[in-house]
């Protein structure tokens, strides 16, 4: 067991899908996996391991923000010898060039955060996806005839802010969307030499205040979940 994950060694698969929300992890496990076992529920952060089309996959939550995904992804990579983490989450669009329900495969994550600098002495304020899983996701999307967009994303420490303008770093690196975890995940994977990708579904258009309703979220997120599962399968 690690400090924050109570699974025994061998109970976590080599590939992990990481939504932010524990209940979303539960939904994925119950809907898509067979012979599923709840292997950790410390702090109410659920981790399930089961079989997807005969291959072992783990799905478990990251929580919100760099400190949280930083802890969980680091322990998965180091304590449980996970090779690949695919973050699956939601994002807001800074631009109307993106639309609700768009699926994004994150190319690079830019951030003002000091996480990478003080954790791993990585000075860059923009970090790419790590390893081969990004390309696997693109290839899988094409095979599924699923339209995705490869973009840069702004990974922010801040959900609420005084200034409503698009942050300067998002403009600097051409980031049309914002989320809160990819940069931290990519930093950990870069430091440890692991595979990491982030797939996002656009649920909010910030300038127009459009958003996906609670009733629409299950339908909206299923294509992203299925893309992640199929990509995980190909990486095993």
C-alpha atoms as a PDB file:
ATOM      1  CA  UNK A   1       0.000   0.000   0.000  1.00  0.00           C
ATOM      2  CA  UNK A   2       1.037   3.593  -0.576  1.00  0.00           C
ATOM      3  CA  UNK A   3       0.204   6.491   1.731  1.00  0.00           C
ATOM      4  CA  UNK A   4      -2.955   7.540  -0.109  1.00  0.00           C
ATOM      5  CA  UNK A   5      -3.957   4.376  -2.013  1.00  0.00           C
ATOM      6  CA  UNK A   6      -4.786   1.280   0.014  1.00  0.00           C
ATOM      7  CA  UNK A   7      -4.586  -1.307  -2.799  1.00  0.00           C
ATOM      8  CA  UNK A   8      -2.143  -4.147  -2.298  1.00  0.00           C
ATOM      9  CA  UNK A   9       0.746  -4.574  -4.691  1.00  0.00           C
ATOM     10  CA  UNK A  10      -0.532  -6.360  -7.794  1.00  0.00           C
ATOM     11  CA  UNK A  11      -4.064  -4.968  -7.474  1.00  0.00           C
ATOM     12  CA  UNK A  12      -3.417  -1.978  -9.776  1.00  0.00           C
ATOM     13  CA  UNK A  13      -3.104  -2.563 -13.529  1.00  0.00           C
ATOM     14  CA  UNK A  14      -0.269  -1.238 -15.696  1.00  0.00           C
ATOM     15  CA  UNK A  15      -2.682   1.221 -17.336  1.00  0.00           C
ATOM     16  CA  UNK A  16      -4.872   3.518 -15.244  1.00  0.00           C
ATOM     17  CA  UNK A  17      -7.738   5.752 -16.358  1.00  0.00           C
ATOM     18  CA  UNK A  18      -7.997   8.797 -14.074  1.00  0.00           C
ATOM     19  CA  UNK A  19     -11.155  10.896 -13.977  1.00  0.00           C
ATOM     20  CA  UNK A  20     -11.219  13.594 -11.347  1.00  0.00           C
ATOM     21  CA  UNK A  21     -14.448  12.472  -9.693  1.00  0.00           C
ATOM     22  CA  UNK A  22     -14.592   9.236  -7.634  1.00  0.00           C
ATOM     23  CA  UNK A  23     -18.205   8.697  -8.699  1.00  0.00           C
ATOM     24  CA  UNK A  24     -17.189   8.934 -12.343  1.00  0.00           C
ATOM     25  CA  UNK A  25     -14.571   6.270 -11.680  1.00  0.00           C
ATOM     26  CA  UNK A  26     -17.299   4.127 -10.127  1.00  0.00           C
ATOM     27  CA  UNK A  27     -19.567   4.687 -13.134  1.00  0.00           C
ATOM     28  CA  UNK A  28     -16.865   3.616 -15.598  1.00  0.00           C
ATOM     29  CA  UNK A  29     -15.977   0.539 -13.578  1.00  0.00           C
ATOM     30  CA  UNK A  30     -19.576  -0.597 -13.214  1.00  0.00           C
ATOM     31  CA  UNK A  31     -20.552   0.119 -16.822  1.00  0.00           C
ATOM     32  CA  UNK A  32     -17.488  -1.101 -18.726  1.00  0.00           C
ATOM     33  CA  UNK A  33     -15.384  -3.476 -16.632  1.00  0.00           C
ATOM     34  CA  UNK A  34     -15.969  -7.124 -15.773  1.00  0.00           C
ATOM     35  CA  UNK A  35     -14.860  -9.005 -12.650  1.00  0.00           C
ATOM     36  CA  UNK A  36     -14.460  -5.599 -11.045  1.00  0.00           C
ATOM     37  CA  UNK A  37     -12.890  -5.195  -7.622  1.00  0.00           C
ATOM     38  CA  UNK A  38     -12.828  -2.067  -5.475  1.00  0.00           C
ATOM     39  CA  UNK A  39      -9.152  -2.071  -4.494  1.00  0.00           C
ATOM     40  CA  UNK A  40      -8.943   1.266  -2.654  1.00  0.00           C
ATOM     41  CA  UNK A  41     -11.380   3.719  -1.075  1.00  0.00           C
ATOM     42  CA  UNK A  42      -9.066   5.717   1.187  1.00  0.00           C
ATOM     43  CA  UNK A  43     -10.396   9.271   1.653  1.00  0.00           C
ATOM     44  CA  UNK A  44     -13.366   8.340  -0.536  1.00  0.00           C
ATOM     45  CA  UNK A  45     -11.146   8.216  -3.649  1.00  0.00           C
ATOM     46  CA  UNK A  46     -12.241   5.010  -5.364  1.00  0.00           C
ATOM     47  CA  UNK A  47      -9.941   2.746  -7.384  1.00  0.00           C
ATOM     48  CA  UNK A  48     -11.357  -0.223  -9.275  1.00  0.00           C
ATOM     49  CA  UNK A  49      -9.530  -2.916 -11.207  1.00  0.00           C
ATOM     50  CA  UNK A  50     -11.295  -5.159 -13.681  1.00  0.00           C
ATOM     51  CA  UNK A  51     -11.230  -6.602 -17.163  1.00  0.00           C
ATOM     52  CA  UNK A  52     -12.031  -4.686 -20.327  1.00  0.00           C
ATOM     53  CA  UNK A  53     -12.318  -7.077 -23.280  1.00  0.00           C
ATOM     54  CA  UNK A  54     -10.166  -9.522 -21.347  1.00  0.00           C
ATOM     55  CA  UNK A  55      -7.388  -7.083 -20.408  1.00  0.00           C
ATOM     56  CA  UNK A  56      -6.801  -5.735 -16.909  1.00  0.00           C
ATOM     57  CA  UNK A  57      -7.386  -2.003 -16.473  1.00  0.00           C
ATOM     58  CA  UNK A  58      -7.650   0.175 -13.363  1.00  0.00           C
ATOM     59  CA  UNK A  59      -9.832   3.253 -13.106  1.00  0.00           C
ATOM     60  CA  UNK A  60      -9.500   5.623 -10.177  1.00  0.00           C
ATOM     61  CA  UNK A  61      -9.955   9.269  -9.305  1.00  0.00           C
ATOM     62  CA  UNK A  62      -7.314  11.984  -9.224  1.00  0.00           C
ATOM     63  CA  UNK A  63      -9.218  14.620  -7.284  1.00  0.00           C
ATOM     64  CA  UNK A  64      -8.941  18.253  -8.361  1.00  0.00           C
ATOM     65  CA  UNK A  65      -5.822  20.299  -9.021  1.00  0.00           C
ATOM     66  CA  UNK A  66      -2.076  19.671  -9.218  1.00  0.00           C
ATOM     67  CA  UNK A  67      -1.531  18.791  -5.544  1.00  0.00           C
ATOM     68  CA  UNK A  68      -4.124  16.021  -5.758  1.00  0.00           C
ATOM     69  CA  UNK A  69      -3.251  14.480  -9.132  1.00  0.00           C
ATOM     70  CA  UNK A  70       0.408  15.004  -8.235  1.00  0.00           C
ATOM     71  CA  UNK A  71       0.052  12.722  -5.222  1.00  0.00           C
ATOM     72  CA  UNK A  72      -2.083  10.022  -6.837  1.00  0.00           C
ATOM     73  CA  UNK A  73      -0.213   9.790 -10.127  1.00  0.00           C
ATOM     74  CA  UNK A  74       3.171   9.751  -8.378  1.00  0.00           C
ATOM     75  CA  UNK A  75       2.139   6.900  -6.098  1.00  0.00           C
ATOM     76  CA  UNK A  76       0.635   4.974  -9.015  1.00  0.00           C
ATOM     77  CA  UNK A  77       3.809   5.371 -11.074  1.00  0.00           C
ATOM     78  CA  UNK A  78       6.244   4.580  -8.255  1.00  0.00           C
ATOM     79  CA  UNK A  79       4.507   2.382  -5.669  1.00  0.00           C
ATOM     80  CA  UNK A  80       2.373   0.370  -8.104  1.00  0.00           C
ATOM     81  CA  UNK A  81       4.675   0.432 -11.148  1.00  0.00           C
ATOM     82  CA  UNK A  82       1.974   1.825 -13.431  1.00  0.00           C
ATOM     83  CA  UNK A  83       3.277   2.458 -16.957  1.00  0.00           C
ATOM     84  CA  UNK A  84       0.521   4.670 -18.370  1.00  0.00           C
ATOM     85  CA  UNK A  85      -2.048   7.101 -16.986  1.00  0.00           C
ATOM     86  CA  UNK A  86      -4.808   8.548 -19.156  1.00  0.00           C
ATOM     87  CA  UNK A  87      -6.545  11.468 -17.497  1.00  0.00           C
ATOM     88  CA  UNK A  88     -10.161  11.791 -18.630  1.00  0.00           C
ATOM     89  CA  UNK A  89     -11.868  14.986 -17.622  1.00  0.00           C
ATOM     90  CA  UNK A  90     -13.884  18.032 -18.527  1.00  0.00           C
ATOM     91  CA  UNK A  91     -12.796  21.514 -19.519  1.00  0.00           C
ATOM     92  CA  UNK A  92     -14.022  24.993 -20.238  1.00  0.00           C
ATOM     93  CA  UNK A  93     -13.442  26.670 -23.594  1.00  0.00           C
ATOM     94  CA  UNK A  94     -11.984  30.167 -23.742  1.00  0.00           C
ATOM     95  CA  UNK A  95     -12.986  30.406 -27.394  1.00  0.00           C
ATOM     96  CA  UNK A  96     -16.092  29.748 -29.446  1.00  0.00           C
ATOM     97  CA  UNK A  97     -13.803  27.911 -31.864  1.00  0.00           C
ATOM     98  CA  UNK A  98     -14.541  24.971 -29.568  1.00  0.00           C
ATOM     99  CA  UNK A  99     -18.040  23.625 -29.085  1.00  0.00           C
ATOM    100  CA  UNK A 100     -19.851  21.717 -26.369  1.00  0.00           C
ATOM    101  CA  UNK A 101     -19.182  17.962 -26.569  1.00  0.00           C
ATOM    102  CA  UNK A 102     -15.860  18.418 -28.441  1.00  0.00           C
ATOM    103  CA  UNK A 103     -13.293  15.774 -27.463  1.00  0.00           C
ATOM    104  CA  UNK A 104      -9.745  17.058 -27.015  1.00  0.00           C
ATOM    105  CA  UNK A 105      -6.498  15.089 -26.953  1.00  0.00           C
ATOM    106  CA  UNK A 106      -4.093  17.414 -25.142  1.00  0.00           C
ATOM    107  CA  UNK A 107      -0.850  18.047 -27.000  1.00  0.00           C
ATOM    108  CA  UNK A 108       0.732  20.414 -24.455  1.00  0.00           C
ATOM    109  CA  UNK A 109      -0.325  21.841 -21.099  1.00  0.00           C
ATOM    110  CA  UNK A 110       0.749  25.370 -20.149  1.00  0.00           C
ATOM    111  CA  UNK A 111       0.632  26.675 -16.600  1.00  0.00           C
ATOM    112  CA  UNK A 112       1.703  29.497 -14.288  1.00  0.00           C
ATOM    113  CA  UNK A 113       1.949  26.892 -11.516  1.00  0.00           C
ATOM    114  CA  UNK A 114       5.199  26.338  -9.642  1.00  0.00           C
ATOM    115  CA  UNK A 115       4.389  22.624  -9.253  1.00  0.00           C
ATOM    116  CA  UNK A 116       6.897  21.278 -11.787  1.00  0.00           C
ATOM    117  CA  UNK A 117       9.599  23.743 -10.748  1.00  0.00           C
ATOM    118  CA  UNK A 118       9.546  22.977  -7.055  1.00  0.00           C
ATOM    119  CA  UNK A 119       8.714  19.276  -7.295  1.00  0.00           C
ATOM    120  CA  UNK A 120      11.125  18.247 -10.051  1.00  0.00           C
ATOM    121  CA  UNK A 121      13.198  21.326 -10.967  1.00  0.00           C
ATOM    122  CA  UNK A 122      11.431  21.454 -14.329  1.00  0.00           C
ATOM    123  CA  UNK A 123      11.481  25.136 -15.297  1.00  0.00           C
ATOM    124  CA  UNK A 124       9.227  24.917 -18.359  1.00  0.00           C
ATOM    125  CA  UNK A 125       5.848  26.607 -18.206  1.00  0.00           C
ATOM    126  CA  UNK A 126       4.525  24.356 -20.986  1.00  0.00           C
ATOM    127  CA  UNK A 127       4.887  20.563 -20.991  1.00  0.00           C
ATOM    128  CA  UNK A 128       3.923  18.008 -23.652  1.00  0.00           C
ATOM    129  CA  UNK A 129       2.089  14.716 -23.248  1.00  0.00           C
ATOM    130  CA  UNK A 130       4.543  11.961 -22.345  1.00  0.00           C
ATOM    131  CA  UNK A 131       5.370   8.724 -24.144  1.00  0.00           C
ATOM    132  CA  UNK A 132       3.450   7.014 -26.924  1.00  0.00           C
ATOM    133  CA  UNK A 133      -0.077   6.999 -25.510  1.00  0.00           C
ATOM    134  CA  UNK A 134      -1.011  10.344 -27.134  1.00  0.00           C
ATOM    135  CA  UNK A 135      -0.415   8.876 -30.602  1.00  0.00           C
ATOM    136  CA  UNK A 136      -2.287   5.722 -29.614  1.00  0.00           C
ATOM    137  CA  UNK A 137      -5.297   7.843 -28.682  1.00  0.00           C
ATOM    138  CA  UNK A 138      -5.239   9.630 -32.045  1.00  0.00           C
ATOM    139  CA  UNK A 139      -4.962   6.337 -33.916  1.00  0.00           C
ATOM    140  CA  UNK A 140      -7.749   4.800 -31.852  1.00  0.00           C
ATOM    141  CA  UNK A 141     -10.033   7.778 -32.457  1.00  0.00           C
ATOM    142  CA  UNK A 142      -9.477   7.433 -36.184  1.00  0.00           C
ATOM    143  CA  UNK A 143     -10.251   3.697 -36.048  1.00  0.00           C
ATOM    144  CA  UNK A 144     -13.458   4.466 -34.136  1.00  0.00           C
ATOM    145  CA  UNK A 145     -14.400   7.244 -36.589  1.00  0.00           C
ATOM    146  CA  UNK A 146     -14.457   9.556 -33.594  1.00  0.00           C
ATOM    147  CA  UNK A 147     -13.564  13.190 -34.248  1.00  0.00           C
ATOM    148  CA  UNK A 148     -11.055  14.625 -31.784  1.00  0.00           C
ATOM    149  CA  UNK A 149      -9.035  17.835 -31.668  1.00  0.00           C
ATOM    150  CA  UNK A 150      -5.366  17.969 -30.659  1.00  0.00           C
ATOM    151  CA  UNK A 151      -4.783  21.230 -28.797  1.00  0.00           C
ATOM    152  CA  UNK A 152      -2.784  23.001 -26.136  1.00  0.00           C
ATOM    153  CA  UNK A 153      -4.607  23.510 -22.861  1.00  0.00           C
ATOM    154  CA  UNK A 154      -4.194  25.943 -19.987  1.00  0.00           C
ATOM    155  CA  UNK A 155      -3.797  24.036 -16.717  1.00  0.00           C
ATOM    156  CA  UNK A 156      -4.784  26.448 -13.980  1.00  0.00           C
ATOM    157  CA  UNK A 157      -4.554  26.472 -10.187  1.00  0.00           C
ATOM    158  CA  UNK A 158      -7.555  28.793 -10.155  1.00  0.00           C
ATOM    159  CA  UNK A 159     -11.217  28.037 -10.794  1.00  0.00           C
ATOM    160  CA  UNK A 160     -12.634  31.384  -9.650  1.00  0.00           C
ATOM    161  CA  UNK A 161     -10.800  34.620 -10.481  1.00  0.00           C
ATOM    162  CA  UNK A 162     -11.376  38.394 -10.256  1.00  0.00           C
ATOM    163  CA  UNK A 163     -10.291  39.192 -13.819  1.00  0.00           C
ATOM    164  CA  UNK A 164     -12.600  37.575 -16.401  1.00  0.00           C
ATOM    165  CA  UNK A 165     -10.122  38.061 -19.267  1.00  0.00           C
ATOM    166  CA  UNK A 166      -8.357  35.067 -20.805  1.00  0.00           C
ATOM    167  CA  UNK A 167      -5.123  34.634 -18.792  1.00  0.00           C
ATOM    168  CA  UNK A 168      -1.947  35.792 -20.522  1.00  0.00           C
ATOM    169  CA  UNK A 169      -0.348  32.345 -20.487  1.00  0.00           C
ATOM    170  CA  UNK A 170      -3.311  30.877 -22.397  1.00  0.00           C
ATOM    171  CA  UNK A 171      -2.897  33.538 -25.072  1.00  0.00           C
ATOM    172  CA  UNK A 172       0.893  33.102 -25.150  1.00  0.00           C
ATOM    173  CA  UNK A 173       0.676  29.368 -25.860  1.00  0.00           C
ATOM    174  CA  UNK A 174      -2.534  29.338 -27.913  1.00  0.00           C
ATOM    175  CA  UNK A 175      -4.615  27.442 -25.360  1.00  0.00           C
ATOM    176  CA  UNK A 176      -8.323  27.563 -26.274  1.00  0.00           C
ATOM    177  CA  UNK A 177      -9.404  25.557 -23.209  1.00  0.00           C
ATOM    178  CA  UNK A 178      -8.723  25.388 -19.478  1.00  0.00           C
ATOM    179  CA  UNK A 179      -8.592  22.556 -16.928  1.00  0.00           C
ATOM    180  CA  UNK A 180      -6.692  21.907 -13.692  1.00  0.00           C
ATOM    181  CA  UNK A 181      -4.624  18.699 -13.820  1.00  0.00           C
ATOM    182  CA  UNK A 182      -2.800  17.904 -17.091  1.00  0.00           C
ATOM    183  CA  UNK A 183       0.342  19.948 -16.371  1.00  0.00           C
ATOM    184  CA  UNK A 184       0.880  18.186 -13.035  1.00  0.00           C
ATOM    185  CA  UNK A 185       0.364  14.752 -14.561  1.00  0.00           C
ATOM    186  CA  UNK A 186       2.741  15.505 -17.430  1.00  0.00           C
ATOM    187  CA  UNK A 187       5.376  16.841 -15.006  1.00  0.00           C
ATOM    188  CA  UNK A 188       5.304  13.647 -12.932  1.00  0.00           C
ATOM    189  CA  UNK A 189       5.462  11.455 -16.023  1.00  0.00           C
ATOM    190  CA  UNK A 190       8.341  13.484 -17.472  1.00  0.00           C
ATOM    191  CA  UNK A 191      10.328  13.193 -14.243  1.00  0.00           C
ATOM    192  CA  UNK A 192       9.694   9.456 -13.951  1.00  0.00           C
ATOM    193  CA  UNK A 193       9.907   8.494 -17.637  1.00  0.00           C
ATOM    194  CA  UNK A 194       6.296   7.277 -17.818  1.00  0.00           C
ATOM    195  CA  UNK A 195       3.432   7.568 -20.326  1.00  0.00           C
ATOM    196  CA  UNK A 196       0.746  10.183 -19.708  1.00  0.00           C
ATOM    197  CA  UNK A 197      -2.072  11.670 -21.776  1.00  0.00           C
ATOM    198  CA  UNK A 198      -5.141  13.783 -21.137  1.00  0.00           C
ATOM    199  CA  UNK A 199      -8.467  13.489 -22.958  1.00  0.00           C
ATOM    200  CA  UNK A 200     -11.034  16.192 -22.238  1.00  0.00           C
ATOM    201  CA  UNK A 201     -14.653  16.844 -23.129  1.00  0.00           C
ATOM    202  CA  UNK A 202     -15.738  20.460 -23.492  1.00  0.00           C
ATOM    203  CA  UNK A 203     -18.600  21.045 -21.043  1.00  0.00           C
ATOM    204  CA  UNK A 204     -18.558  24.856 -20.819  1.00  0.00           C
ATOM    205  CA  UNK A 205     -18.085  27.690 -23.312  1.00  0.00           C
ATOM    206  CA  UNK A 206     -16.870  30.473 -21.047  1.00  0.00           C
ATOM    207  CA  UNK A 207     -17.552  33.577 -23.206  1.00  0.00           C
ATOM    208  CA  UNK A 208     -21.134  32.556 -24.046  1.00  0.00           C
ATOM    209  CA  UNK A 209     -21.955  30.823 -20.719  1.00  0.00           C
ATOM    210  CA  UNK A 210     -23.161  27.719 -22.573  1.00  0.00           C
ATOM    211  CA  UNK A 211     -22.820  24.502 -20.619  1.00  0.00           C
ATOM    212  CA  UNK A 212     -23.807  20.872 -20.742  1.00  0.00           C
ATOM    213  CA  UNK A 213     -26.681  20.150 -18.376  1.00  0.00           C
ATOM    214  CA  UNK A 214     -26.423  17.593 -15.610  1.00  0.00           C
ATOM    215  CA  UNK A 215     -28.798  15.329 -17.532  1.00  0.00           C
ATOM    216  CA  UNK A 216     -26.595  15.476 -20.641  1.00  0.00           C
ATOM    217  CA  UNK A 217     -23.297  14.722 -18.921  1.00  0.00           C
ATOM    218  CA  UNK A 218     -23.502  10.922 -19.076  1.00  0.00           C
ATOM    219  CA  UNK A 219     -24.174  11.004 -22.819  1.00  0.00           C
ATOM    220  CA  UNK A 220     -21.555  13.708 -23.319  1.00  0.00           C
ATOM    221  CA  UNK A 221     -18.757  11.862 -21.548  1.00  0.00           C
ATOM    222  CA  UNK A 222     -19.345   8.322 -22.841  1.00  0.00           C
ATOM    223  CA  UNK A 223     -17.427   8.790 -26.149  1.00  0.00           C
ATOM    224  CA  UNK A 224     -14.399  10.063 -24.203  1.00  0.00           C
ATOM    225  CA  UNK A 225     -14.582   7.161 -21.762  1.00  0.00           C
ATOM    226  CA  UNK A 226     -14.825   4.614 -24.574  1.00  0.00           C
ATOM    227  CA  UNK A 227     -11.937   6.236 -26.453  1.00  0.00           C
ATOM    228  CA  UNK A 228      -9.785   6.025 -23.306  1.00  0.00           C
ATOM    229  CA  UNK A 229     -10.697   2.381 -22.713  1.00  0.00           C
ATOM    230  CA  UNK A 230      -9.979   1.367 -26.300  1.00  0.00           C
ATOM    231  CA  UNK A 231      -6.680   3.282 -26.236  1.00  0.00           C
ATOM    232  CA  UNK A 232      -5.724   1.629 -22.964  1.00  0.00           C
ATOM    233  CA  UNK A 233      -6.441  -1.741 -24.543  1.00  0.00           C
ATOM    234  CA  UNK A 234      -4.083  -1.008 -27.427  1.00  0.00           C
ATOM    235  CA  UNK A 235      -1.311   0.081 -25.063  1.00  0.00           C
ATOM    236  CA  UNK A 236      -1.285  -3.210 -23.145  1.00  0.00           C
END
